[in-house]
Amino acid sequence: EQNIQLDQLLFQVKNTFNPIISNEMNEAIQNSTFIWREKIGNKAAKILIPSKNLIENIPNLHDNHELIIQILNVNHSITNNQLIVNNLSINSIVLTFVEFCPTLWKLGRIYEFIFNNSDNIGIIKQKISNVINIPIEFVSIGKSPFQQVFGTNTTILEKLREALFLVATINWGLPDYYSIKQTPLYLRNGDILIFKDNRE
């Protein structure tokens, strides 16, 4: 049912598992933190907002569309930074951040952070500075030249690794006042931003 909210769907899934798994495993499932992801090809893609229904999360929803339930562990970036999945609301946007290392000419660490729709680039820079220990004056952010690609096994990360020249030449000068949901960014849930340390 395309109008069912994901938190309701998760409740149904948990109850489905109850009679067919061990008590120990069932207890682990009931006490775990979950996030929903869209499945694209054989990959886990963007995080879905549990308070939204399926069609709001996936506008191109179709028959046999596959979803993934991910069980968060203590090392996941969302839990490490107190961005617990329960904080995801209808006004939330989850963005993926990929580190670009110019001196090594490669991509580095990958993070997922939760923001509010009204947040701006300055708030994003502050989050990266706090979590990754880069002084805020040296944080540069750009929008990935590749975003959500549907119906393909080639992940965006693989495309970025194959096109580092495009990564190096993106617009790194986004003003702090740019709102993440307004022109010219128009970021959507699951979109990718790239960050770098200007000292490199």
N, C-alpha and C. Protein backbone atom coordinates (compact mmCIF):
# COMPACT_ATOMS: atom_id res chain seq x y z
N GLU A 1 0.85 -1.19 0.00
CA GLU A 1 0.00 0.00 0.00
C GLU A 1 0.88 1.24 0.00
N GLN A 2 0.78 2.08 -1.04
CA GLN A 2 1.71 3.17 -1.20
C GLN A 2 1.52 4.30 -0.20
N ASN A 3 0.38 4.35 0.47
CA ASN A 3 0.11 5.42 1.43
C ASN A 3 0.47 5.03 2.86
N ILE A 4 0.99 3.84 3.09
CA ILE A 4 1.37 3.43 4.43
C ILE A 4 2.65 4.14 4.84
N GLN A 5 2.72 4.61 6.09
CA GLN A 5 3.93 5.23 6.59
C GLN A 5 4.94 4.15 6.94
N LEU A 6 6.23 4.49 6.81
CA LEU A 6 7.27 3.49 7.00
C LEU A 6 7.36 3.02 8.45
N ASP A 7 7.04 3.87 9.42
CA ASP A 7 7.08 3.40 10.80
C ASP A 7 5.99 2.36 11.05
N GLN A 8 4.85 2.51 10.36
CA GLN A 8 3.80 1.50 10.46
C GLN A 8 4.22 0.21 9.76
N LEU A 9 4.88 0.36 8.63
CA LEU A 9 5.34 -0.82 7.89
C LEU A 9 6.38 -1.59 8.69
N LEU A 10 7.27 -0.88 9.39
CA LEU A 10 8.27 -1.54 10.21
C LEU A 10 7.62 -2.35 11.32
N PHE A 11 6.58 -1.81 11.93
CA PHE A 11 5.85 -2.54 12.97
C PHE A 11 5.30 -3.85 12.41
N GLN A 12 4.75 -3.81 11.20
CA GLN A 12 4.23 -5.01 10.57
C GLN A 12 5.34 -6.03 10.30
N VAL A 13 6.48 -5.53 9.84
CA VAL A 13 7.61 -6.42 9.54
C VAL A 13 8.11 -7.10 10.80
N LYS A 14 8.25 -6.35 11.89
CA LYS A 14 8.71 -6.93 13.15
C LYS A 14 7.76 -8.03 13.62
N ASN A 15 6.47 -7.76 13.53
CA ASN A 15 5.48 -8.75 13.96
C ASN A 15 5.50 -9.99 13.08
N THR A 16 5.83 -9.82 11.83
CA THR A 16 5.91 -10.96 10.91
C THR A 16 7.03 -11.90 11.32
N PHE A 17 8.14 -11.34 11.84
CA PHE A 17 9.28 -12.16 12.22
C PHE A 17 9.08 -12.87 13.55
N ASN A 18 8.20 -12.37 14.40
CA ASN A 18 8.05 -12.90 15.75
C ASN A 18 7.92 -14.43 15.82
N PRO A 19 7.02 -15.04 15.03
CA PRO A 19 6.80 -16.48 15.21
C PRO A 19 7.86 -17.37 14.57
N ILE A 20 8.77 -16.81 13.78
CA ILE A 20 9.65 -17.68 12.98
C ILE A 20 11.13 -17.57 13.38
N ILE A 21 11.45 -16.77 14.40
CA ILE A 21 12.84 -16.65 14.80
C ILE A 21 12.96 -16.93 16.29
N SER A 22 14.19 -17.13 16.75
CA SER A 22 14.42 -17.46 18.15
C SER A 22 14.08 -16.26 19.04
N ASN A 23 13.83 -16.55 20.32
CA ASN A 23 13.52 -15.48 21.27
C ASN A 23 14.67 -14.48 21.38
N GLU A 24 15.91 -15.00 21.36
CA GLU A 24 17.08 -14.13 21.48
C GLU A 24 17.18 -13.18 20.29
N MET A 25 16.99 -13.72 19.09
CA MET A 25 17.06 -12.88 17.90
C MET A 25 15.89 -11.91 17.85
N ASN A 26 14.72 -12.36 18.27
CA ASN A 26 13.56 -11.49 18.27
C ASN A 26 13.75 -10.31 19.22
N GLU A 27 14.34 -10.58 20.38
CA GLU A 27 14.59 -9.51 21.33
C GLU A 27 15.57 -8.49 20.74
N ALA A 28 16.60 -8.99 20.04
CA ALA A 28 17.58 -8.09 19.42
C ALA A 28 16.91 -7.21 18.37
N ILE A 29 16.01 -7.80 17.59
CA ILE A 29 15.31 -7.04 16.55
C ILE A 29 14.41 -5.98 17.17
N GLN A 30 13.66 -6.36 18.21
CA GLN A 30 12.72 -5.42 18.83
C GLN A 30 13.44 -4.24 19.47
N ASN A 31 14.68 -4.45 19.95
CA ASN A 31 15.40 -3.41 20.66
C ASN A 31 16.40 -2.65 19.79
N SER A 32 16.44 -2.98 18.52
CA SER A 32 17.41 -2.33 17.62
C SER A 32 16.82 -1.07 17.01
N THR A 33 17.73 -0.23 16.51
CA THR A 33 17.34 0.96 15.76
C THR A 33 17.45 0.65 14.28
N PHE A 34 16.40 0.96 13.55
CA PHE A 34 16.34 0.61 12.14
C PHE A 34 16.25 1.87 11.29
N ILE A 35 16.75 1.78 10.08
CA ILE A 35 16.44 2.78 9.08
C ILE A 35 16.03 2.05 7.80
N TRP A 36 15.16 2.69 7.06
CA TRP A 36 14.74 2.17 5.76
C TRP A 36 15.61 2.79 4.68
N ARG A 37 15.96 1.98 3.70
CA ARG A 37 16.68 2.48 2.53
C ARG A 37 16.00 1.95 1.27
N GLU A 38 16.08 2.74 0.23
CA GLU A 38 15.65 2.24 -1.06
C GLU A 38 16.74 1.33 -1.62
N LYS A 39 16.34 0.28 -2.31
CA LYS A 39 17.30 -0.60 -2.97
C LYS A 39 17.36 -0.25 -4.44
N ILE A 40 18.56 0.05 -4.92
CA ILE A 40 18.77 0.35 -6.33
C ILE A 40 19.77 -0.66 -6.87
N GLY A 41 19.34 -1.50 -7.80
CA GLY A 41 20.19 -2.59 -8.25
C GLY A 41 20.43 -3.53 -7.09
N ASN A 42 21.70 -3.76 -6.77
CA ASN A 42 22.02 -4.60 -5.61
C ASN A 42 22.63 -3.78 -4.48
N LYS A 43 22.32 -2.48 -4.46
CA LYS A 43 22.92 -1.58 -3.49
C LYS A 43 21.85 -0.97 -2.58
N ALA A 44 22.26 -0.66 -1.35
CA ALA A 44 21.41 0.11 -0.44
C ALA A 44 21.61 1.58 -0.75
N ALA A 45 20.52 2.27 -1.07
CA ALA A 45 20.61 3.66 -1.49
C ALA A 45 20.13 4.60 -0.38
N LYS A 46 19.37 5.62 -0.74
CA LYS A 46 19.07 6.71 0.18
C LYS A 46 18.24 6.26 1.38
N ILE A 47 18.41 6.96 2.49
CA ILE A 47 17.61 6.74 3.69
C ILE A 47 16.23 7.34 3.48
N LEU A 48 15.20 6.61 3.91
CA LEU A 48 13.82 7.07 3.78
C LEU A 48 13.32 7.62 5.11
N ILE A 49 12.43 8.59 5.04
CA ILE A 49 11.90 9.25 6.24
C ILE A 49 10.72 8.45 6.77
N PRO A 50 10.79 7.90 8.00
CA PRO A 50 9.75 6.99 8.49
C PRO A 50 8.38 7.62 8.68
N SER A 51 8.33 8.94 8.91
CA SER A 51 7.04 9.59 9.12
C SER A 51 6.34 9.91 7.81
N LYS A 52 7.02 9.70 6.68
CA LYS A 52 6.39 9.89 5.37
C LYS A 52 5.93 8.54 4.85
N ASN A 53 4.97 8.58 3.93
CA ASN A 53 4.53 7.32 3.35
C ASN A 53 5.43 6.93 2.18
N LEU A 54 5.16 5.77 1.62
CA LEU A 54 6.04 5.23 0.58
C LEU A 54 6.13 6.15 -0.63
N ILE A 55 5.00 6.65 -1.11
CA ILE A 55 5.01 7.44 -2.33
C ILE A 55 5.68 8.80 -2.11
N GLU A 56 5.61 9.32 -0.88
CA GLU A 56 6.31 10.57 -0.58
C GLU A 56 7.82 10.35 -0.56
N ASN A 57 8.25 9.21 -0.08
CA ASN A 57 9.68 8.89 -0.05
C ASN A 57 10.21 8.52 -1.43
N ILE A 58 9.41 7.79 -2.20
CA ILE A 58 9.85 7.29 -3.49
C ILE A 58 8.81 7.67 -4.54
N PRO A 59 8.93 8.85 -5.14
CA PRO A 59 7.92 9.31 -6.09
C PRO A 59 7.74 8.38 -7.29
N ASN A 60 8.80 7.66 -7.65
CA ASN A 60 8.70 6.74 -8.81
C ASN A 60 8.40 5.31 -8.37
N LEU A 61 7.72 5.15 -7.24
CA LEU A 61 7.39 3.83 -6.71
C LEU A 61 6.63 3.00 -7.74
N HIS A 62 7.01 1.72 -7.83
CA HIS A 62 6.35 0.83 -8.79
C HIS A 62 6.21 -0.56 -8.19
N ASP A 63 5.48 -1.43 -8.86
CA ASP A 63 5.33 -2.80 -8.39
C ASP A 63 6.69 -3.47 -8.27
N ASN A 64 6.84 -4.29 -7.23
CA ASN A 64 8.08 -5.04 -6.96
C ASN A 64 9.27 -4.13 -6.62
N HIS A 65 8.98 -2.89 -6.24
CA HIS A 65 10.05 -2.00 -5.79
C HIS A 65 10.59 -2.54 -4.47
N GLU A 66 11.90 -2.65 -4.35
CA GLU A 66 12.50 -3.27 -3.17
C GLU A 66 13.03 -2.23 -2.19
N LEU A 67 12.83 -2.52 -0.91
CA LEU A 67 13.37 -1.70 0.17
C LEU A 67 14.30 -2.55 1.02
N ILE A 68 15.17 -1.87 1.76
CA ILE A 68 16.10 -2.54 2.66
C ILE A 68 15.90 -1.99 4.06
N ILE A 69 15.86 -2.88 5.06
CA ILE A 69 15.87 -2.45 6.46
C ILE A 69 17.29 -2.62 6.98
N GLN A 70 17.89 -1.53 7.41
CA GLN A 70 19.25 -1.57 7.95
C GLN A 70 19.20 -1.46 9.46
N ILE A 71 19.87 -2.38 10.14
CA ILE A 71 20.00 -2.31 11.60
C ILE A 71 21.26 -1.51 11.92
N LEU A 72 21.07 -0.39 12.63
CA LEU A 72 22.21 0.48 12.94
C LEU A 72 23.03 -0.13 14.07
N ASN A 73 24.34 -0.08 13.89
CA ASN A 73 25.23 -0.47 14.99
C ASN A 73 25.84 0.78 15.61
N VAL A 74 26.58 0.61 16.67
CA VAL A 74 27.09 1.76 17.42
C VAL A 74 28.11 2.56 16.64
N ASN A 75 28.66 2.00 15.56
CA ASN A 75 29.67 2.71 14.79
C ASN A 75 29.08 3.50 13.62
N HIS A 76 27.77 3.41 13.43
CA HIS A 76 27.17 4.14 12.31
C HIS A 76 27.21 5.63 12.59
N SER A 77 27.53 6.42 11.55
CA SER A 77 27.71 7.86 11.74
C SER A 77 26.47 8.53 12.32
N ILE A 78 25.28 8.02 11.98
CA ILE A 78 24.06 8.65 12.48
C ILE A 78 23.98 8.51 14.00
N THR A 79 24.31 7.33 14.54
CA THR A 79 24.23 7.15 15.99
C THR A 79 25.43 7.80 16.68
N ASN A 80 26.58 7.78 16.06
CA ASN A 80 27.77 8.38 16.68
C ASN A 80 27.55 9.85 17.00
N ASN A 81 26.81 10.56 16.17
CA ASN A 81 26.65 11.99 16.32
C ASN A 81 25.31 12.38 16.93
N GLN A 82 24.74 11.46 17.72
CA GLN A 82 23.46 11.69 18.37
C GLN A 82 22.35 12.02 17.38
N LEU A 83 22.54 11.65 16.11
CA LEU A 83 21.49 11.89 15.12
C LEU A 83 20.67 10.62 15.02
N ILE A 84 20.02 10.26 16.12
CA ILE A 84 19.28 9.01 16.17
C ILE A 84 18.13 9.04 15.17
N VAL A 85 17.88 7.90 14.58
CA VAL A 85 16.88 7.83 13.53
C VAL A 85 15.51 8.29 14.00
N ASN A 86 15.23 8.22 15.31
CA ASN A 86 13.95 8.69 15.82
C ASN A 86 13.76 10.19 15.60
N ASN A 87 14.86 10.91 15.34
CA ASN A 87 14.77 12.34 15.08
C ASN A 87 14.34 12.65 13.65
N LEU A 88 14.25 11.63 12.81
CA LEU A 88 13.81 11.86 11.45
C LEU A 88 12.33 12.24 11.45
N SER A 89 12.02 13.38 10.88
CA SER A 89 10.64 13.84 10.83
C SER A 89 10.31 14.26 9.41
N ILE A 90 9.09 14.71 9.24
CA ILE A 90 8.66 15.12 7.91
C ILE A 90 9.44 16.32 7.41
N ASN A 91 10.08 17.07 8.32
CA ASN A 91 10.89 18.22 7.94
C ASN A 91 12.38 17.90 7.85
N SER A 92 12.71 16.60 7.95
CA SER A 92 14.11 16.18 7.91
C SER A 92 14.57 15.93 6.48
N ILE A 93 15.86 16.09 6.30
CA ILE A 93 16.50 15.69 5.05
C ILE A 93 17.82 15.01 5.42
N VAL A 94 18.06 13.83 4.86
CA VAL A 94 19.29 13.09 5.11
C VAL A 94 20.21 13.28 3.91
N LEU A 95 21.39 13.83 4.14
CA LEU A 95 22.34 14.08 3.08
C LEU A 95 23.58 13.22 3.27
N THR A 96 24.13 12.75 2.16
CA THR A 96 25.37 11.97 2.19
C THR A 96 26.53 12.89 1.85
N PHE A 97 27.62 12.74 2.62
CA PHE A 97 28.81 13.58 2.41
C PHE A 97 30.00 12.68 2.09
N VAL A 98 30.68 13.02 1.00
CA VAL A 98 31.85 12.27 0.56
C VAL A 98 33.05 13.19 0.64
N GLU A 99 34.11 12.72 1.28
CA GLU A 99 35.33 13.51 1.42
C GLU A 99 36.16 13.42 0.14
N PHE A 100 36.66 14.56 -0.33
CA PHE A 100 37.59 14.61 -1.45
C PHE A 100 38.95 15.01 -0.92
N CYS A 101 39.98 14.21 -1.23
CA CYS A 101 41.35 14.46 -0.77
C CYS A 101 42.19 14.89 -1.97
N PRO A 102 42.36 16.19 -2.21
CA PRO A 102 43.06 16.66 -3.42
C PRO A 102 44.51 16.18 -3.51
N THR A 103 45.22 16.18 -2.37
CA THR A 103 46.63 15.81 -2.43
C THR A 103 46.83 14.34 -2.77
N LEU A 104 45.88 13.49 -2.37
CA LEU A 104 45.95 12.06 -2.67
C LEU A 104 45.17 11.71 -3.93
N TRP A 105 44.41 12.67 -4.44
CA TRP A 105 43.57 12.50 -5.62
C TRP A 105 42.68 11.26 -5.49
N LYS A 106 41.91 11.28 -4.42
CA LYS A 106 40.99 10.16 -4.18
C LYS A 106 39.85 10.64 -3.29
N LEU A 107 38.81 9.81 -3.21
CA LEU A 107 37.72 10.05 -2.27
C LEU A 107 38.04 9.38 -0.95
N GLY A 108 37.57 9.99 0.13
CA GLY A 108 37.87 9.46 1.46
C GLY A 108 36.63 8.98 2.19
N ARG A 109 36.43 9.50 3.39
CA ARG A 109 35.37 9.03 4.26
C ARG A 109 33.99 9.44 3.75
N ILE A 110 32.99 8.67 4.18
CA ILE A 110 31.61 8.93 3.79
C ILE A 110 30.77 9.04 5.06
N TYR A 111 29.92 10.05 5.11
CA TYR A 111 29.06 10.28 6.27
C TYR A 111 27.64 10.52 5.81
N GLU A 112 26.69 10.29 6.70
CA GLU A 112 25.29 10.64 6.49
C GLU A 112 24.84 11.47 7.68
N PHE A 113 24.31 12.65 7.40
CA PHE A 113 23.86 13.54 8.46
C PHE A 113 22.41 13.94 8.22
N ILE A 114 21.70 14.17 9.31
CA ILE A 114 20.32 14.62 9.26
C ILE A 114 20.27 16.13 9.48
N PHE A 115 19.55 16.82 8.61
CA PHE A 115 19.35 18.26 8.74
C PHE A 115 17.87 18.58 8.66
N ASN A 116 17.52 19.82 9.01
CA ASN A 116 16.18 20.33 8.78
C ASN A 116 16.12 20.98 7.41
N ASN A 117 14.93 20.97 6.84
CA ASN A 117 14.76 21.57 5.51
C ASN A 117 15.18 23.03 5.45
N SER A 118 15.10 23.72 6.59
CA SER A 118 15.41 25.16 6.62
C SER A 118 16.88 25.46 6.85
N ASP A 119 17.72 24.43 7.05
CA ASP A 119 19.15 24.66 7.32
C ASP A 119 19.86 25.17 6.06
N ASN A 120 21.05 25.73 6.28
CA ASN A 120 21.81 26.29 5.17
C ASN A 120 23.23 25.75 5.15
N ILE A 121 24.00 26.20 4.18
CA ILE A 121 25.38 25.71 4.01
C ILE A 121 26.23 26.01 5.24
N GLY A 122 26.01 27.15 5.88
CA GLY A 122 26.78 27.48 7.08
C GLY A 122 26.57 26.46 8.18
N ILE A 123 25.34 25.99 8.37
CA ILE A 123 25.05 24.97 9.38
C ILE A 123 25.70 23.65 9.00
N ILE A 124 25.69 23.32 7.71
CA ILE A 124 26.34 22.10 7.25
C ILE A 124 27.84 22.16 7.53
N LYS A 125 28.47 23.28 7.23
CA LYS A 125 29.90 23.43 7.49
C LYS A 125 30.22 23.26 8.96
N GLN A 126 29.36 23.81 9.82
CA GLN A 126 29.58 23.69 11.25
C GLN A 126 29.50 22.24 11.69
N LYS A 127 28.54 21.48 11.13
CA LYS A 127 28.41 20.07 11.47
C LYS A 127 29.66 19.31 11.06
N ILE A 128 30.14 19.53 9.85
CA ILE A 128 31.34 18.84 9.37
C ILE A 128 32.54 19.22 10.23
N SER A 129 32.66 20.49 10.57
CA SER A 129 33.76 20.94 11.42
C SER A 129 33.74 20.25 12.77
N ASN A 130 32.56 20.14 13.38
CA ASN A 130 32.43 19.54 14.70
C ASN A 130 32.73 18.04 14.69
N VAL A 131 32.24 17.35 13.67
CA VAL A 131 32.33 15.89 13.64
C VAL A 131 33.67 15.42 13.11
N ILE A 132 34.19 16.10 12.10
CA ILE A 132 35.39 15.60 11.41
C ILE A 132 36.64 16.35 11.84
N ASN A 133 36.48 17.34 12.71
CA ASN A 133 37.62 18.08 13.27
C ASN A 133 38.42 18.83 12.21
N ILE A 134 37.70 19.48 11.30
CA ILE A 134 38.31 20.43 10.37
C ILE A 134 37.87 21.82 10.82
N PRO A 135 38.80 22.75 11.06
CA PRO A 135 38.36 24.11 11.41
C PRO A 135 37.39 24.65 10.37
N ILE A 136 36.33 25.28 10.82
CA ILE A 136 35.26 25.65 9.91
C ILE A 136 35.72 26.54 8.78
N GLU A 137 36.76 27.37 9.03
CA GLU A 137 37.23 28.27 7.98
C GLU A 137 37.93 27.53 6.84
N PHE A 138 38.24 26.24 7.06
CA PHE A 138 38.91 25.44 6.03
C PHE A 138 37.97 24.42 5.38
N VAL A 139 36.69 24.45 5.75
CA VAL A 139 35.73 23.51 5.18
C VAL A 139 35.15 24.09 3.89
N SER A 140 35.27 23.34 2.81
CA SER A 140 34.63 23.70 1.55
C SER A 140 33.65 22.60 1.17
N ILE A 141 32.50 23.01 0.61
CA ILE A 141 31.45 22.07 0.25
C ILE A 141 31.00 22.35 -1.18
N GLY A 142 30.75 21.29 -1.92
CA GLY A 142 30.20 21.41 -3.26
C GLY A 142 29.16 20.34 -3.50
N LYS A 143 28.29 20.58 -4.45
CA LYS A 143 27.25 19.62 -4.79
C LYS A 143 27.82 18.60 -5.77
N SER A 144 27.57 17.33 -5.51
CA SER A 144 28.07 16.27 -6.38
C SER A 144 27.57 16.45 -7.81
N PRO A 145 28.43 16.23 -8.81
CA PRO A 145 27.96 16.28 -10.20
C PRO A 145 27.01 15.15 -10.55
N PHE A 146 26.97 14.11 -9.71
CA PHE A 146 26.04 12.99 -9.89
C PHE A 146 25.15 12.92 -8.66
N GLN A 147 23.86 12.72 -8.88
CA GLN A 147 22.94 12.58 -7.78
C GLN A 147 22.21 11.25 -7.91
N GLN A 148 20.97 11.20 -7.48
CA GLN A 148 20.25 9.93 -7.41
C GLN A 148 20.03 9.37 -8.81
N VAL A 149 20.48 8.14 -8.99
CA VAL A 149 20.34 7.47 -10.28
C VAL A 149 19.49 6.23 -10.06
N PHE A 150 18.37 6.14 -10.75
CA PHE A 150 17.45 5.04 -10.52
C PHE A 150 17.63 3.96 -11.57
N GLY A 151 17.44 2.69 -11.15
CA GLY A 151 17.42 1.59 -12.10
C GLY A 151 18.76 1.21 -12.67
N THR A 152 19.84 1.40 -11.92
CA THR A 152 21.15 1.04 -12.41
C THR A 152 21.96 0.40 -11.30
N ASN A 153 22.86 -0.50 -11.64
CA ASN A 153 23.73 -1.14 -10.66
C ASN A 153 24.97 -0.31 -10.36
N THR A 154 25.19 0.70 -11.18
CA THR A 154 26.36 1.56 -10.98
C THR A 154 26.04 2.58 -9.91
N THR A 155 26.74 2.54 -8.79
CA THR A 155 26.46 3.48 -7.72
C THR A 155 27.07 4.83 -8.03
N ILE A 156 26.51 5.85 -7.39
CA ILE A 156 27.02 7.20 -7.60
C ILE A 156 28.47 7.30 -7.13
N LEU A 157 28.80 6.60 -6.05
CA LEU A 157 30.17 6.64 -5.54
C LEU A 157 31.15 6.10 -6.58
N GLU A 158 30.77 5.03 -7.26
CA GLU A 158 31.63 4.49 -8.32
C GLU A 158 31.80 5.49 -9.45
N LYS A 159 30.71 6.18 -9.79
CA LYS A 159 30.77 7.18 -10.85
C LYS A 159 31.70 8.33 -10.45
N LEU A 160 31.64 8.72 -9.17
CA LEU A 160 32.50 9.80 -8.69
C LEU A 160 33.97 9.40 -8.75
N ARG A 161 34.25 8.16 -8.37
CA ARG A 161 35.65 7.70 -8.39
C ARG A 161 36.21 7.68 -9.81
N GLU A 162 35.32 7.46 -10.77
CA GLU A 162 35.77 7.42 -12.17
C GLU A 162 35.84 8.81 -12.79
N ALA A 163 35.40 9.84 -12.07
CA ALA A 163 35.36 11.19 -12.63
C ALA A 163 35.88 12.20 -11.62
N LEU A 164 37.07 11.95 -11.09
CA LEU A 164 37.63 12.83 -10.06
C LEU A 164 37.90 14.24 -10.59
N PHE A 165 38.15 14.37 -11.89
CA PHE A 165 38.37 15.71 -12.45
C PHE A 165 37.10 16.55 -12.28
N LEU A 166 35.93 15.93 -12.50
CA LEU A 166 34.68 16.65 -12.29
C LEU A 166 34.51 17.04 -10.83
N VAL A 167 34.91 16.13 -9.94
CA VAL A 167 34.82 16.42 -8.50
C VAL A 167 35.71 17.61 -8.15
N ALA A 168 36.93 17.62 -8.69
CA ALA A 168 37.89 18.68 -8.36
C ALA A 168 37.45 20.05 -8.86
N THR A 169 36.62 20.07 -9.90
CA THR A 169 36.26 21.35 -10.53
C THR A 169 34.82 21.79 -10.23
N ILE A 170 34.15 21.14 -9.26
CA ILE A 170 32.81 21.60 -8.89
C ILE A 170 32.90 22.97 -8.22
N ASN A 171 31.78 23.61 -8.05
CA ASN A 171 31.74 24.92 -7.39
C ASN A 171 31.92 24.74 -5.88
N TRP A 172 33.12 25.04 -5.41
CA TRP A 172 33.43 24.87 -3.98
C TRP A 172 33.07 26.12 -3.18
N GLY A 173 32.59 27.16 -3.84
CA GLY A 173 32.36 28.43 -3.15
C GLY A 173 30.92 28.69 -2.77
N LEU A 174 30.19 27.67 -2.35
CA LEU A 174 28.78 27.88 -1.98
C LEU A 174 28.69 28.81 -0.77
N PRO A 175 27.96 29.91 -0.88
CA PRO A 175 27.82 30.83 0.26
C PRO A 175 27.10 30.19 1.43
N ASP A 176 27.46 30.62 2.63
CA ASP A 176 26.87 30.05 3.83
C ASP A 176 25.36 30.24 3.90
N TYR A 177 24.83 31.28 3.28
CA TYR A 177 23.40 31.58 3.41
C TYR A 177 22.53 30.74 2.47
N TYR A 178 23.13 29.99 1.55
CA TYR A 178 22.33 29.16 0.65
C TYR A 178 21.52 28.14 1.46
N SER A 179 20.21 28.14 1.27
CA SER A 179 19.35 27.16 1.93
C SER A 179 19.40 25.85 1.15
N ILE A 180 19.42 24.74 1.89
CA ILE A 180 19.61 23.45 1.23
C ILE A 180 18.40 23.02 0.40
N LYS A 181 17.23 23.58 0.69
CA LYS A 181 16.03 23.17 -0.05
C LYS A 181 15.56 24.22 -1.07
N GLN A 182 16.29 25.33 -1.19
CA GLN A 182 15.86 26.39 -2.08
C GLN A 182 16.88 26.60 -3.20
N THR A 183 16.53 27.46 -4.16
CA THR A 183 17.43 27.76 -5.25
C THR A 183 18.75 28.33 -4.74
N PRO A 184 19.89 27.97 -5.31
CA PRO A 184 20.06 27.12 -6.49
C PRO A 184 20.34 25.65 -6.16
N LEU A 185 20.28 25.27 -4.87
CA LEU A 185 20.67 23.90 -4.50
C LEU A 185 19.54 22.90 -4.73
N TYR A 186 18.37 23.19 -4.20
CA TYR A 186 17.23 22.28 -4.32
C TYR A 186 17.60 20.84 -3.93
N LEU A 187 18.24 20.67 -2.79
CA LEU A 187 18.67 19.34 -2.37
C LEU A 187 17.47 18.50 -1.95
N ARG A 188 17.52 17.22 -2.27
CA ARG A 188 16.48 16.27 -1.90
C ARG A 188 17.04 15.25 -0.93
N ASN A 189 16.16 14.58 -0.22
CA ASN A 189 16.59 13.52 0.67
C ASN A 189 17.42 12.50 -0.12
N GLY A 190 18.62 12.18 0.39
CA GLY A 190 19.48 11.22 -0.27
C GLY A 190 20.52 11.83 -1.18
N ASP A 191 20.45 13.15 -1.40
CA ASP A 191 21.44 13.78 -2.29
C ASP A 191 22.83 13.76 -1.67
N ILE A 192 23.82 13.99 -2.54
CA ILE A 192 25.23 13.89 -2.14
C ILE A 192 25.91 15.24 -2.24
N LEU A 193 26.64 15.59 -1.18
CA LEU A 193 27.54 16.73 -1.18
C LEU A 193 28.96 16.23 -0.97
N ILE A 194 29.91 16.99 -1.48
CA ILE A 194 31.31 16.62 -1.35
C ILE A 194 31.99 17.70 -0.52
N PHE A 195 32.84 17.29 0.39
CA PHE A 195 33.55 18.28 1.22
C PHE A 195 35.05 18.03 1.14
N LYS A 196 35.83 19.06 1.42
CA LYS A 196 37.28 18.94 1.45
C LYS A 196 37.85 19.89 2.47
N ASP A 197 39.08 19.61 2.86
CA ASP A 197 39.84 20.44 3.79
C ASP A 197 40.73 21.35 2.92
N ASN A 198 40.50 22.64 2.98
CA ASN A 198 41.25 23.58 2.12
C ASN A 198 42.73 23.68 2.46
N ARG A 199 43.14 23.05 3.56
CA ARG A 199 44.57 23.07 3.89
C ARG A 199 45.36 22.08 3.05
N GLU A 200 44.64 21.17 2.38
CA GLU A 200 45.34 20.17 1.54
C GLU A 200 45.77 20.83 0.23
